Structures are given as structure tokens and as C-alpha cells.
Amino acid sequence: MKKVAVFAFSGDPATFAHAMLNAMDMKDRGYDVKLVVEGDATKLLSLLRNETKPFADVYRRCRDSGLIDCVCRACATRNGVVPVVIEQNLRFGDDMAGHPAMAGYMEQGYEVLTL
């Protein structure tokens, strides 16, 4: 089985939507896929809870399907969205100086993609 970890860094909603759509597509194709929310993308977790925002439906489907493996603790803290992460029952990743380590995924056999 193909294993892919998609690291979403961009705070641009369209770029984040593409990361989510690709993760969902990979899952539908039978991949073991994990989405990691990093950098300015963490800001979008607050914005996309609002169902009226563009791509909120994509976010809800991605989140509800369990594709979000973790959210960067350091970036969520910097961007003031720690309460949002907790409220949505998402897991923090912080094994590399407060950030999720790509090497950890690679050591588990995941190919790492960044968007």
C-alpha cells in the first residue's frame, strides 16, 4: 500500500483545499494518507469552521474522515488557534522542537509531499 504524508503549510485557502482534496483522493484510491497542518495553514482551521466560507465543506469532509493526522503545536500557538484545535478534537504534532517531524513519517515509510 502506498503511504503518503501531505504537509500543508500555505495559509492560502485554495492551496489548502488542494491539499485536502488530494488527500481525500488518495484515500479513495486506497492509499494510507495523513494530512499534517503546518505553518500558516493552521490559521485556516478557525476560518473553515464557518460553513459559509469557501472550502468549508471540503475541510469538514476531510476532518470528519479522519485524514488530519496532526496540527503543528508551535504554529497553532503562534497563530492563536490552539483552542480551535482542541475544540475540533484534533491532535497536536510537536516531536521536532514543537513541530511535526517529516523524518518521523519517513521512518514509518511515508512519502512526504508539501503544499
Protein backbone atom coordinates (compact mmCIF):
# COMPACT_ATOMS: atom_id res chain seq x y z
CA MET A 1 0.00 0.00 0.00
CA LYS A 2 1.29 3.46 -0.91
CA LYS A 3 1.83 5.68 2.16
CA VAL A 4 1.78 9.47 1.80
CA ALA A 5 2.00 12.28 4.36
CA VAL A 6 0.78 15.59 2.96
CA PHE A 7 2.23 18.57 4.84
CA ALA A 8 0.05 21.63 4.21
CA PHE A 9 1.92 24.85 5.02
CA SER A 10 0.20 27.53 2.95
CA GLY A 11 -2.31 29.89 4.51
CA ASP A 12 -3.95 30.35 1.11
CA PRO A 13 -7.40 28.71 1.29
CA ALA A 14 -7.25 27.43 -2.31
CA THR A 15 -3.85 25.80 -1.77
CA PHE A 16 -5.07 24.21 1.46
CA ALA A 17 -8.20 22.98 -0.34
CA HIS A 18 -5.99 21.30 -2.94
CA ALA A 19 -4.01 19.58 -0.18
CA MET A 20 -7.26 18.30 1.36
CA LEU A 21 -8.75 17.25 -1.98
CA ASN A 22 -5.61 15.34 -2.91
CA ALA A 23 -5.52 13.64 0.48
CA MET A 24 -9.17 12.56 0.08
CA ASP A 25 -8.50 11.35 -3.47
CA MET A 26 -5.51 9.31 -2.33
CA LYS A 27 -7.60 7.76 0.43
CA ASP A 28 -10.32 6.88 -2.10
CA ARG A 29 -7.65 5.20 -4.24
CA GLY A 30 -6.57 3.04 -1.31
CA TYR A 31 -3.52 4.98 -0.10
CA ASP A 32 -2.63 5.24 3.56
CA VAL A 33 -2.62 9.04 3.70
CA LYS A 34 -2.14 11.52 6.53
CA LEU A 35 -2.64 15.27 6.35
CA VAL A 36 -0.40 17.39 8.55
CA VAL A 37 -1.46 21.02 9.09
CA GLU A 38 1.60 23.24 9.46
CA GLY A 39 2.67 26.88 9.21
CA ASP A 40 0.10 29.45 8.19
CA ALA A 41 -2.34 26.70 7.20
CA THR A 42 -3.11 26.39 10.92
CA LYS A 43 -4.91 29.76 10.72
CA LEU A 44 -7.42 28.22 8.34
CA LEU A 45 -8.72 25.79 10.97
CA SER A 46 -10.52 28.70 12.59
CA LEU A 47 -11.75 30.22 9.34
CA LEU A 48 -13.04 26.99 7.82
CA ARG A 49 -15.22 26.07 10.80
CA ASN A 50 -17.58 28.69 9.39
CA GLU A 51 -19.75 26.73 6.94
CA THR A 52 -20.30 29.86 4.82
CA LYS A 53 -16.62 30.19 3.89
CA PRO A 54 -15.29 28.82 0.61
CA PHE A 55 -13.85 25.31 1.05
CA ALA A 56 -15.52 24.83 4.46
CA ASP A 57 -17.33 21.78 3.11
CA VAL A 58 -14.05 20.28 1.88
CA TYR A 59 -12.49 20.92 5.29
CA ARG A 60 -15.43 19.33 7.13
CA ARG A 61 -15.29 16.21 4.95
CA CYS A 62 -11.52 15.92 5.35
CA ARG A 63 -11.64 16.43 9.11
CA ASP A 64 -14.61 14.13 9.62
CA SER A 65 -12.98 11.35 7.61
CA GLY A 66 -10.01 11.36 9.99
CA LEU A 67 -7.44 12.41 7.41
CA ILE A 68 -5.96 15.17 9.58
CA ASP A 69 -3.21 13.35 11.43
CA CYS A 70 -2.00 16.33 13.41
CA VAL A 71 -1.68 20.10 13.68
CA CYS A 72 1.64 21.77 14.39
CA ARG A 73 1.63 22.84 18.04
CA ALA A 74 4.19 25.63 17.57
CA CYS A 75 2.39 27.16 14.60
CA ALA A 76 -1.05 26.78 16.18
CA THR A 77 0.31 28.58 19.23
CA ARG A 78 1.89 31.34 17.12
CA ASN A 79 -1.34 31.78 15.16
CA GLY A 80 -3.62 31.73 18.21
CA VAL A 81 -5.65 28.68 17.19
CA VAL A 82 -4.81 26.23 19.98
CA PRO A 83 -8.38 26.46 21.38
CA VAL A 84 -9.78 25.75 17.90
CA VAL A 85 -7.59 22.65 17.53
CA ILE A 86 -8.73 21.39 20.94
CA GLU A 87 -12.39 22.21 20.21
CA GLN A 88 -12.24 20.17 17.00
CA ASN A 89 -10.56 17.22 18.75
CA LEU A 90 -7.50 17.38 16.51
CA ARG A 91 -4.14 16.04 17.66
CA PHE A 92 -1.06 18.22 18.05
CA GLY A 93 2.23 17.24 16.45
CA ASP A 94 5.30 18.55 18.23
CA ASP A 95 8.05 15.95 18.16
CA MET A 96 10.58 18.28 16.47
CA ALA A 97 11.07 21.45 18.53
CA GLY A 98 7.29 21.95 18.70
CA HIS A 99 6.65 20.98 15.06
CA PRO A 100 5.72 17.61 13.50
CA ALA A 101 8.85 15.94 12.13
CA MET A 102 8.81 14.89 8.50
CA ALA A 103 11.51 12.34 9.33
CA GLY A 104 9.12 10.60 11.70
CA TYR A 105 6.71 9.98 8.84
CA MET A 106 9.53 8.94 6.52
CA GLU A 107 10.78 6.44 9.10
CA GLN A 108 7.30 4.90 9.04
CA GLY A 109 7.52 4.52 5.26
CA TYR A 110 5.54 7.61 4.22
CA GLU A 111 6.44 9.67 1.19
CA VAL A 112 6.26 13.33 2.24
CA LEU A 113 4.58 15.90 0.00
CA THR A 114 4.48 19.61 0.83
CA LEU A 115 1.95 22.17 -0.30
